[in-house]
């Protein structure tokens, strides 16, 4: 049976709690996705929990200064099942000193 793509084993609250050194910058309207920013002025990360695998956390690393033909300026997309791995990826992308 395929899981409901609008559900997750993760919550936004627990994922954000694992990322204390970045700021949530979206409009808080989505129940399964959010955007965070750090000290790099043009970079954000879009984190979303809706996937075919309920344990997966997906992310897009975005840079609005890069014209790569993507509507969202994503320069990398990835997935993880670990909050620690997500923290490392997000901090390396968003924080000038890597967190």
PDB file of N, CA and C in Angstrom:
ATOM      1  N   UNK A   1       0.837  -1.177   0.000  1.00  0.00           N
ATOM      2  CA  UNK A   1       0.000   0.000   0.000  1.00  0.00           C
ATOM      3  C   UNK A   1       0.889   1.250   0.000  1.00  0.00           C
ATOM      4  N   UNK A   2       0.601   2.182  -0.879  1.00  0.00           N
ATOM      5  CA  UNK A   2       1.344   3.431  -0.979  1.00  0.00           C
ATOM      6  C   UNK A   2       0.893   4.380   0.122  1.00  0.00           C
ATOM      7  N   UNK A   3       1.862   4.972   0.859  1.00  0.00           N
ATOM      8  CA  UNK A   3       1.460   5.914   1.913  1.00  0.00           C
ATOM      9  C   UNK A   3       0.845   7.178   1.343  1.00  0.00           C
ATOM     10  N   UNK A   4       0.054   7.825   2.144  1.00  0.00           N
ATOM     11  CA  UNK A   4      -0.540   9.108   1.774  1.00  0.00           C
ATOM     12  C   UNK A   4       0.586  10.121   1.589  1.00  0.00           C
ATOM     13  N   UNK A   5       0.723  10.729   0.395  1.00  0.00           N
ATOM     14  CA  UNK A   5       1.826  11.675   0.167  1.00  0.00           C
ATOM     15  C   UNK A   5       1.696  12.959   0.980  1.00  0.00           C
ATOM     16  N   UNK A   6       0.561  13.151   1.610  1.00  0.00           N
ATOM     17  CA  UNK A   6       0.377  14.335   2.444  1.00  0.00           C
ATOM     18  C   UNK A   6       0.487  13.997   3.927  1.00  0.00           C
ATOM     19  N   UNK A   7       1.303  12.986   4.228  1.00  0.00           N
ATOM     20  CA  UNK A   7       1.566  12.652   5.619  1.00  0.00           C
ATOM     21  C   UNK A   7       3.053  12.339   5.766  1.00  0.00           C
ATOM     22  N   UNK A   8       3.506  12.287   7.004  1.00  0.00           N
ATOM     23  CA  UNK A   8       4.919  12.071   7.282  1.00  0.00           C
ATOM     24  C   UNK A   8       5.075  11.536   8.690  1.00  0.00           C
ATOM     25  N   UNK A   9       6.171  10.830   8.928  1.00  0.00           N
ATOM     26  CA  UNK A   9       6.507  10.420  10.286  1.00  0.00           C
ATOM     27  C   UNK A   9       7.183  11.552  11.051  1.00  0.00           C
ATOM     28  N   UNK A  10       7.493  12.651  10.351  1.00  0.00           N
ATOM     29  CA  UNK A  10       8.132  13.825  10.949  1.00  0.00           C
ATOM     30  C   UNK A  10       7.104  14.938  11.107  1.00  0.00           C
ATOM     31  N   UNK A  11       7.384  15.861  12.004  1.00  0.00           N
ATOM     32  CA  UNK A  11       6.592  17.082  12.104  1.00  0.00           C
ATOM     33  C   UNK A  11       7.507  18.273  11.839  1.00  0.00           C
ATOM     34  N   UNK A  12       6.930  19.348  11.381  1.00  0.00           N
ATOM     35  CA  UNK A  12       7.707  20.560  11.157  1.00  0.00           C
ATOM     36  C   UNK A  12       8.359  21.015  12.462  1.00  0.00           C
ATOM     37  N   UNK A  13       7.638  20.911  13.553  1.00  0.00           N
ATOM     38  CA  UNK A  13       8.162  21.361  14.839  1.00  0.00           C
ATOM     39  C   UNK A  13       9.424  20.606  15.231  1.00  0.00           C
ATOM     40  N   UNK A  14       9.435  19.272  15.069  1.00  0.00           N
ATOM     41  CA  UNK A  14      10.623  18.523  15.478  1.00  0.00           C
ATOM     42  C   UNK A  14      11.795  18.754  14.527  1.00  0.00           C
ATOM     43  N   UNK A  15      11.518  18.963  13.250  1.00  0.00           N
ATOM     44  CA  UNK A  15      12.602  19.242  12.310  1.00  0.00           C
ATOM     45  C   UNK A  15      13.181  20.626  12.592  1.00  0.00           C
ATOM     46  N   UNK A  16      12.334  21.627  12.802  1.00  0.00           N
ATOM     47  CA  UNK A  16      12.828  22.966  13.131  1.00  0.00           C
ATOM     48  C   UNK A  16      13.614  22.985  14.442  1.00  0.00           C
ATOM     49  N   UNK A  17      13.196  22.195  15.394  1.00  0.00           N
ATOM     50  CA  UNK A  17      13.917  22.122  16.665  1.00  0.00           C
ATOM     51  C   UNK A  17      15.346  21.628  16.458  1.00  0.00           C
ATOM     52  N   UNK A  18      15.568  20.827  15.437  1.00  0.00           N
ATOM     53  CA  UNK A  18      16.906  20.318  15.119  1.00  0.00           C
ATOM     54  C   UNK A  18      17.752  21.344  14.372  1.00  0.00           C
ATOM     55  N   UNK A  19      17.162  22.483  14.006  1.00  0.00           N
ATOM     56  CA  UNK A  19      17.854  23.528  13.238  1.00  0.00           C
ATOM     57  C   UNK A  19      17.810  24.865  13.980  1.00  0.00           C
ATOM     58  N   UNK A  20      18.339  24.937  15.202  1.00  0.00           N
ATOM     59  CA  UNK A  20      18.158  26.154  15.999  1.00  0.00           C
ATOM     60  C   UNK A  20      18.928  27.376  15.506  1.00  0.00           C
ATOM     61  N   UNK A  21      19.919  27.204  14.653  1.00  0.00           N
ATOM     62  CA  UNK A  21      20.746  28.343  14.239  1.00  0.00           C
ATOM     63  C   UNK A  21      20.314  28.991  12.931  1.00  0.00           C
ATOM     64  N   UNK A  22      19.151  28.591  12.409  1.00  0.00           N
ATOM     65  CA  UNK A  22      18.617  29.217  11.200  1.00  0.00           C
ATOM     66  C   UNK A  22      17.220  29.743  11.501  1.00  0.00           C
ATOM     67  N   UNK A  23      16.731  30.614  10.630  1.00  0.00           N
ATOM     68  CA  UNK A  23      15.431  31.245  10.848  1.00  0.00           C
ATOM     69  C   UNK A  23      14.412  30.763   9.835  1.00  0.00           C
ATOM     70  N   UNK A  24      13.227  30.475  10.317  1.00  0.00           N
ATOM     71  CA  UNK A  24      12.128  30.146   9.410  1.00  0.00           C
ATOM     72  C   UNK A  24      11.672  31.432   8.734  1.00  0.00           C
ATOM     73  N   UNK A  25      11.567  31.403   7.393  1.00  0.00           N
ATOM     74  CA  UNK A  25      11.264  32.632   6.654  1.00  0.00           C
ATOM     75  C   UNK A  25      10.050  32.502   5.728  1.00  0.00           C
ATOM     76  N   UNK A  26       9.309  31.430   5.830  1.00  0.00           N
ATOM     77  CA  UNK A  26       8.112  31.293   4.997  1.00  0.00           C
ATOM     78  C   UNK A  26       6.915  31.890   5.722  1.00  0.00           C
ATOM     79  N   UNK A  27       5.756  31.796   5.113  1.00  0.00           N
ATOM     80  CA  UNK A  27       4.546  32.416   5.667  1.00  0.00           C
ATOM     81  C   UNK A  27       3.791  31.521   6.634  1.00  0.00           C
ATOM     82  N   UNK A  28       4.372  30.398   7.015  1.00  0.00           N
ATOM     83  CA  UNK A  28       3.808  29.479   8.011  1.00  0.00           C
ATOM     84  C   UNK A  28       2.503  28.828   7.570  1.00  0.00           C
ATOM     85  N   UNK A  29       2.211  28.810   6.285  1.00  0.00           N
ATOM     86  CA  UNK A  29       0.932  28.297   5.823  1.00  0.00           C
ATOM     87  C   UNK A  29       0.911  26.824   5.457  1.00  0.00           C
ATOM     88  N   UNK A  30       2.070  26.217   5.270  1.00  0.00           N
ATOM     89  CA  UNK A  30       2.123  24.833   4.824  1.00  0.00           C
ATOM     90  C   UNK A  30       2.343  23.922   6.026  1.00  0.00           C
ATOM     91  N   UNK A  31       1.596  22.843   6.094  1.00  0.00           N
ATOM     92  CA  UNK A  31       1.700  21.919   7.219  1.00  0.00           C
ATOM     93  C   UNK A  31       2.845  20.922   7.065  1.00  0.00           C
ATOM     94  N   UNK A  32       3.387  20.768   5.844  1.00  0.00           N
ATOM     95  CA  UNK A  32       4.439  19.773   5.616  1.00  0.00           C
ATOM     96  C   UNK A  32       5.670  20.342   4.929  1.00  0.00           C
ATOM     97  N   UNK A  33       5.832  21.655   4.942  1.00  0.00           N
ATOM     98  CA  UNK A  33       7.001  22.264   4.302  1.00  0.00           C
ATOM     99  C   UNK A  33       7.300  23.609   4.942  1.00  0.00           C
ATOM    100  N   UNK A  34       8.574  24.006   4.847  1.00  0.00           N
ATOM    101  CA  UNK A  34       8.977  25.314   5.356  1.00  0.00           C
ATOM    102  C   UNK A  34      10.267  25.742   4.681  1.00  0.00           C
ATOM    103  N   UNK A  35      10.563  27.019   4.782  1.00  0.00           N
ATOM    104  CA  UNK A  35      11.790  27.595   4.220  1.00  0.00           C
ATOM    105  C   UNK A  35      12.586  28.213   5.362  1.00  0.00           C
ATOM    106  N   UNK A  36      13.908  27.994   5.332  1.00  0.00           N
ATOM    107  CA  UNK A  36      14.790  28.575   6.338  1.00  0.00           C
ATOM    108  C   UNK A  36      15.912  29.347   5.656  1.00  0.00           C
ATOM    109  N   UNK A  37      16.457  30.316   6.399  1.00  0.00           N
ATOM    110  CA  UNK A  37      17.566  31.135   5.911  1.00  0.00           C
ATOM    111  C   UNK A  37      18.578  31.289   7.037  1.00  0.00           C
ATOM    112  N   UNK A  38      19.809  31.592   6.627  1.00  0.00           N
ATOM    113  CA  UNK A  38      20.892  31.791   7.595  1.00  0.00           C
ATOM    114  C   UNK A  38      21.641  33.063   7.281  1.00  0.00           C
ATOM    115  N   UNK A  39      22.953  33.006   7.322  1.00  0.00           N
ATOM    116  CA  UNK A  39      23.779  34.197   7.152  1.00  0.00           C
ATOM    117  C   UNK A  39      24.187  34.482   5.712  1.00  0.00           C
ATOM    118  N   UNK A  40      24.017  33.537   4.806  1.00  0.00           N
ATOM    119  CA  UNK A  40      24.255  33.789   3.380  1.00  0.00           C
ATOM    120  C   UNK A  40      23.041  34.516   2.821  1.00  0.00           C
ATOM    121  N   UNK A  41      23.235  35.737   2.356  1.00  0.00           N
ATOM    122  CA  UNK A  41      22.124  36.617   1.979  1.00  0.00           C
ATOM    123  C   UNK A  41      21.227  36.063   0.879  1.00  0.00           C
ATOM    124  N   UNK A  42      21.756  35.340  -0.087  1.00  0.00           N
ATOM    125  CA  UNK A  42      20.952  34.909  -1.226  1.00  0.00           C
ATOM    126  C   UNK A  42      20.496  33.458  -1.134  1.00  0.00           C
ATOM    127  N   UNK A  43      20.876  32.774  -0.083  1.00  0.00           N
ATOM    128  CA  UNK A  43      20.575  31.345   0.019  1.00  0.00           C
ATOM    129  C   UNK A  43      19.430  31.050   0.982  1.00  0.00           C
ATOM    130  N   UNK A  44      18.610  30.075   0.607  1.00  0.00           N
ATOM    131  CA  UNK A  44      17.591  29.525   1.490  1.00  0.00           C
ATOM    132  C   UNK A  44      17.565  28.014   1.292  1.00  0.00           C
ATOM    133  N   UNK A  45      16.872  27.349   2.175  1.00  0.00           N
ATOM    134  CA  UNK A  45      16.631  25.913   2.029  1.00  0.00           C
ATOM    135  C   UNK A  45      15.138  25.688   2.205  1.00  0.00           C
ATOM    136  N   UNK A  46      14.579  24.930   1.284  1.00  0.00           N
ATOM    137  CA  UNK A  46      13.170  24.558   1.343  1.00  0.00           C
ATOM    138  C   UNK A  46      13.140  23.110   1.808  1.00  0.00           C
ATOM    139  N   UNK A  47      12.508  22.860   2.929  1.00  0.00           N
ATOM    140  CA  UNK A  47      12.449  21.523   3.513  1.00  0.00           C
ATOM    141  C   UNK A  47      11.006  21.053   3.441  1.00  0.00           C
ATOM    142  N   UNK A  48      10.816  19.847   2.907  1.00  0.00           N
ATOM    143  CA  UNK A  48       9.454  19.346   2.794  1.00  0.00           C
ATOM    144  C   UNK A  48       9.370  17.887   3.201  1.00  0.00           C
ATOM    145  N   UNK A  49       8.255  17.573   3.832  1.00  0.00           N
ATOM    146  CA  UNK A  49       8.061  16.272   4.448  1.00  0.00           C
ATOM    147  C   UNK A  49       7.114  15.373   3.664  1.00  0.00           C
ATOM    148  N   UNK A  50       6.528  15.871   2.593  1.00  0.00           N
ATOM    149  CA  UNK A  50       5.614  15.051   1.809  1.00  0.00           C
ATOM    150  C   UNK A  50       6.422  14.281   0.754  1.00  0.00           C
ATOM    151  N   UNK A  51       6.394  12.970   0.889  1.00  0.00           N
ATOM    152  CA  UNK A  51       7.152  12.069   0.010  1.00  0.00           C
ATOM    153  C   UNK A  51       6.424  10.741  -0.041  1.00  0.00           C
ATOM    154  N   UNK A  52       6.912   9.844  -0.870  1.00  0.00           N
ATOM    155  CA  UNK A  52       6.343   8.500  -0.912  1.00  0.00           C
ATOM    156  C   UNK A  52       6.805   7.645   0.260  1.00  0.00           C
ATOM    157  N   UNK A  53       7.887   8.043   0.915  1.00  0.00           N
ATOM    158  CA  UNK A  53       8.408   7.334   2.079  1.00  0.00           C
ATOM    159  C   UNK A  53       8.194   8.222   3.302  1.00  0.00           C
ATOM    160  N   UNK A  54       7.458   7.756   4.256  1.00  0.00           N
ATOM    161  CA  UNK A  54       7.094   8.570   5.416  1.00  0.00           C
ATOM    162  C   UNK A  54       8.283   8.968   6.276  1.00  0.00           C
ATOM    163  N   UNK A  55       9.413   8.253   6.157  1.00  0.00           N
ATOM    164  CA  UNK A  55      10.605   8.560   6.947  1.00  0.00           C
ATOM    165  C   UNK A  55      11.525   9.573   6.276  1.00  0.00           C
ATOM    166  N   UNK A  56      11.223   9.953   5.051  1.00  0.00           N
ATOM    167  CA  UNK A  56      12.104  10.817   4.266  1.00  0.00           C
ATOM    168  C   UNK A  56      11.843  12.287   4.534  1.00  0.00           C
ATOM    169  N   UNK A  57      12.931  13.037   4.655  1.00  0.00           N
ATOM    170  CA  UNK A  57      12.901  14.493   4.697  1.00  0.00           C
ATOM    171  C   UNK A  57      13.579  14.953   3.410  1.00  0.00           C
ATOM    172  N   UNK A  58      12.890  15.741   2.611  1.00  0.00           N
ATOM    173  CA  UNK A  58      13.458  16.241   1.354  1.00  0.00           C
ATOM    174  C   UNK A  58      13.837  17.701   1.510  1.00  0.00           C
ATOM    175  N   UNK A  59      14.803  18.132   0.718  1.00  0.00           N
ATOM    176  CA  UNK A  59      15.215  19.532   0.776  1.00  0.00           C
ATOM    177  C   UNK A  59      15.687  20.004  -0.586  1.00  0.00           C
ATOM    178  N   UNK A  60      15.494  21.286  -0.819  1.00  0.00           N
ATOM    179  CA  UNK A  60      16.047  21.985  -1.976  1.00  0.00           C
ATOM    180  C   UNK A  60      16.952  23.078  -1.425  1.00  0.00           C
ATOM    181  N   UNK A  61      18.182  23.114  -1.892  1.00  0.00           N
ATOM    182  CA  UNK A  61      19.107  24.178  -1.528  1.00  0.00           C
ATOM    183  C   UNK A  61      19.022  25.218  -2.634  1.00  0.00           C
ATOM    184  N   UNK A  62      18.585  26.412  -2.290  1.00  0.00           N
ATOM    185  CA  UNK A  62      18.275  27.437  -3.283  1.00  0.00           C
ATOM    186  C   UNK A  62      19.176  28.656  -3.131  1.00  0.00           C
ATOM    187  N   UNK A  63      19.514  29.258  -4.277  1.00  0.00           N
ATOM    188  CA  UNK A  63      20.331  30.467  -4.284  1.00  0.00           C
ATOM    189  C   UNK A  63      19.779  31.387  -5.357  1.00  0.00           C
ATOM    190  N   UNK A  64      19.134  32.470  -4.937  1.00  0.00           N
ATOM    191  CA  UNK A  64      18.475  33.364  -5.896  1.00  0.00           C
ATOM    192  C   UNK A  64      19.463  34.130  -6.772  1.00  0.00           C
ATOM    193  N   UNK A  65      20.756  34.097  -6.444  1.00  0.00           N
ATOM    194  CA  UNK A  65      21.749  34.765  -7.287  1.00  0.00           C
ATOM    195  C   UNK A  65      22.224  33.877  -8.437  1.00  0.00           C
ATOM    196  N   UNK A  66      21.789  32.620  -8.453  1.00  0.00           N
ATOM    197  CA  UNK A  66      22.187  31.673  -9.497  1.00  0.00           C
ATOM    198  C   UNK A  66      21.061  31.546 -10.508  1.00  0.00           C
ATOM    199  N   UNK A  67      21.367  31.825 -11.757  1.00  0.00           N
ATOM    200  CA  UNK A  67      20.382  31.656 -12.824  1.00  0.00           C
ATOM    201  C   UNK A  67      20.640  30.307 -13.494  1.00  0.00           C
ATOM    202  N   UNK A  68      19.970  29.289 -12.981  1.00  0.00           N
ATOM    203  CA  UNK A  68      20.180  27.934 -13.483  1.00  0.00           C
ATOM    204  C   UNK A  68      18.975  27.386 -14.249  1.00  0.00           C
ATOM    205  N   UNK A  69      18.026  28.248 -14.558  1.00  0.00           N
ATOM    206  CA  UNK A  69      16.854  27.821 -15.300  1.00  0.00           C
ATOM    207  C   UNK A  69      15.766  27.199 -14.445  1.00  0.00           C
ATOM    208  N   UNK A  70      16.016  27.013 -13.178  1.00  0.00           N
ATOM    209  CA  UNK A  70      15.013  26.460 -12.266  1.00  0.00           C
ATOM    210  C   UNK A  70      14.162  27.603 -11.717  1.00  0.00           C
ATOM    211  N   UNK A  71      12.857  27.418 -11.681  1.00  0.00           N
ATOM    212  CA  UNK A  71      11.959  28.473 -11.212  1.00  0.00           C
ATOM    213  C   UNK A  71      12.228  28.838  -9.753  1.00  0.00           C
ATOM    214  N   UNK A  72      12.714  27.872  -8.977  1.00  0.00           N
ATOM    215  CA  UNK A  72      12.941  28.116  -7.554  1.00  0.00           C
ATOM    216  C   UNK A  72      14.414  28.340  -7.215  1.00  0.00           C
ATOM    217  N   UNK A  73      15.271  28.407  -8.236  1.00  0.00           N
ATOM    218  CA  UNK A  73      16.709  28.618  -8.049  1.00  0.00           C
ATOM    219  C   UNK A  73      17.371  27.500  -7.246  1.00  0.00           C
ATOM    220  N   UNK A  74      16.800  26.298  -7.292  1.00  0.00           N
ATOM    221  CA  UNK A  74      17.407  25.169  -6.582  1.00  0.00           C
ATOM    222  C   UNK A  74      18.692  24.763  -7.287  1.00  0.00           C
ATOM    223  N   UNK A  75      19.776  24.731  -6.530  1.00  0.00           N
ATOM    224  CA  UNK A  75      21.056  24.297  -7.089  1.00  0.00           C
ATOM    225  C   UNK A  75      21.368  22.863  -6.677  1.00  0.00           C
ATOM    226  N   UNK A  76      20.611  22.360  -5.709  1.00  0.00           N
ATOM    227  CA  UNK A  76      20.771  20.978  -5.282  1.00  0.00           C
ATOM    228  C   UNK A  76      19.486  20.531  -4.601  1.00  0.00           C
ATOM    229  N   UNK A  77      19.127  19.292  -4.832  1.00  0.00           N
ATOM    230  CA  UNK A  77      17.967  18.690  -4.178  1.00  0.00           C
ATOM    231  C   UNK A  77      18.424  17.384  -3.561  1.00  0.00           C
ATOM    232  N   UNK A  78      17.875  17.065  -2.401  1.00  0.00           N
ATOM    233  CA  UNK A  78      18.295  15.826  -1.754  1.00  0.00           C
ATOM    234  C   UNK A  78      17.269  15.325  -0.768  1.00  0.00           C
ATOM    235  N   UNK A  79      17.588  14.182  -0.200  1.00  0.00           N
ATOM    236  CA  UNK A  79      16.732  13.581   0.818  1.00  0.00           C
ATOM    237  C   UNK A  79      17.609  12.978   1.913  1.00  0.00           C
ATOM    238  N   UNK A  80      17.008  12.819   3.065  1.00  0.00           N
ATOM    239  CA  UNK A  80      17.659  12.161   4.186  1.00  0.00           C
ATOM    240  C   UNK A  80      16.587  11.551   5.075  1.00  0.00           C
ATOM    241  N   UNK A  81      16.995  10.662   5.948  1.00  0.00           N
ATOM    242  CA  UNK A  81      16.110  10.135   6.978  1.00  0.00           C
ATOM    243  C   UNK A  81      16.648  10.470   8.361  1.00  0.00           C
ATOM    244  N   UNK A  82      17.621  11.392   8.408  1.00  0.00           N
ATOM    245  CA  UNK A  82      18.310  11.713   9.647  1.00  0.00           C
ATOM    246  C   UNK A  82      18.288  13.219   9.907  1.00  0.00           C
ATOM    247  N   UNK A  83      17.876  13.608  11.112  1.00  0.00           N
ATOM    248  CA  UNK A  83      17.913  15.016  11.481  1.00  0.00           C
ATOM    249  C   UNK A  83      19.345  15.526  11.550  1.00  0.00           C
ATOM    250  N   UNK A  84      20.279  14.703  11.991  1.00  0.00           N
ATOM    251  CA  UNK A  84      21.683  15.119  12.065  1.00  0.00           C
ATOM    252  C   UNK A  84      22.247  15.390  10.673  1.00  0.00           C
ATOM    253  N   UNK A  85      21.945  14.526   9.721  1.00  0.00           N
ATOM    254  CA  UNK A  85      22.416  14.761   8.349  1.00  0.00           C
ATOM    255  C   UNK A  85      21.768  16.012   7.762  1.00  0.00           C
ATOM    256  N   UNK A  86      20.475  16.193   7.999  1.00  0.00           N
ATOM    257  CA  UNK A  86      19.796  17.398   7.522  1.00  0.00           C
ATOM    258  C   UNK A  86      20.450  18.636   8.115  1.00  0.00           C
ATOM    259  N   UNK A  87      20.735  18.614   9.411  1.00  0.00           N
ATOM    260  CA  UNK A  87      21.369  19.754  10.071  1.00  0.00           C
ATOM    261  C   UNK A  87      22.714  20.075   9.413  1.00  0.00           C
ATOM    262  N   UNK A  88      23.515  19.077   9.149  1.00  0.00           N
ATOM    263  CA  UNK A  88      24.824  19.304   8.524  1.00  0.00           C
ATOM    264  C   UNK A  88      24.678  19.932   7.148  1.00  0.00           C
ATOM    265  N   UNK A  89      23.780  19.397   6.335  1.00  0.00           N
ATOM    266  CA  UNK A  89      23.574  19.927   4.987  1.00  0.00           C
ATOM    267  C   UNK A  89      23.086  21.367   5.045  1.00  0.00           C
ATOM    268  N   UNK A  90      22.063  21.625   5.860  1.00  0.00           N
ATOM    269  CA  UNK A  90      21.473  22.962   5.956  1.00  0.00           C
ATOM    270  C   UNK A  90      22.490  23.966   6.494  1.00  0.00           C
ATOM    271  N   UNK A  91      23.214  23.606   7.532  1.00  0.00           N
ATOM    272  CA  UNK A  91      24.192  24.533   8.110  1.00  0.00           C
ATOM    273  C   UNK A  91      25.317  24.832   7.139  1.00  0.00           C
ATOM    274  N   UNK A  92      25.821  23.826   6.436  1.00  0.00           N
ATOM    275  CA  UNK A  92      26.884  24.082   5.454  1.00  0.00           C
ATOM    276  C   UNK A  92      26.396  25.005   4.348  1.00  0.00           C
ATOM    277  N   UNK A  93      25.138  24.898   3.980  1.00  0.00           N
ATOM    278  CA  UNK A  93      24.574  25.713   2.914  1.00  0.00           C
ATOM    279  C   UNK A  93      24.247  27.130   3.373  1.00  0.00           C
ATOM    280  N   UNK A  94      23.701  27.263   4.567  1.00  0.00           N
ATOM    281  CA  UNK A  94      23.152  28.553   4.984  1.00  0.00           C
ATOM    282  C   UNK A  94      24.035  29.393   5.902  1.00  0.00           C
ATOM    283  N   UNK A  95      24.952  28.774   6.616  1.00  0.00           N
ATOM    284  CA  UNK A  95      25.751  29.520   7.580  1.00  0.00           C
ATOM    285  C   UNK A  95      27.173  29.705   7.051  1.00  0.00           C
ATOM    286  N   UNK A  96      27.647  30.919   7.106  1.00  0.00           N
ATOM    287  CA  UNK A  96      28.966  31.232   6.556  1.00  0.00           C
ATOM    288  C   UNK A  96      30.074  30.414   7.212  1.00  0.00           C
ATOM    289  N   UNK A  97      29.932  30.109   8.494  1.00  0.00           N
ATOM    290  CA  UNK A  97      30.964  29.331   9.163  1.00  0.00           C
ATOM    291  C   UNK A  97      30.603  27.851   9.246  1.00  0.00           C
ATOM    292  N   UNK A  98      29.539  27.434   8.568  1.00  0.00           N
ATOM    293  CA  UNK A  98      29.131  26.038   8.572  1.00  0.00           C
ATOM    294  C   UNK A  98      28.430  25.588   9.838  1.00  0.00           C
ATOM    295  N   UNK A  99      28.113  26.510  10.716  1.00  0.00           N
ATOM    296  CA  UNK A  99      27.400  26.173  11.943  1.00  0.00           C
ATOM    297  C   UNK A  99      28.343  25.587  12.932  1.00  0.00           C
TER     298      UNK A  99
END
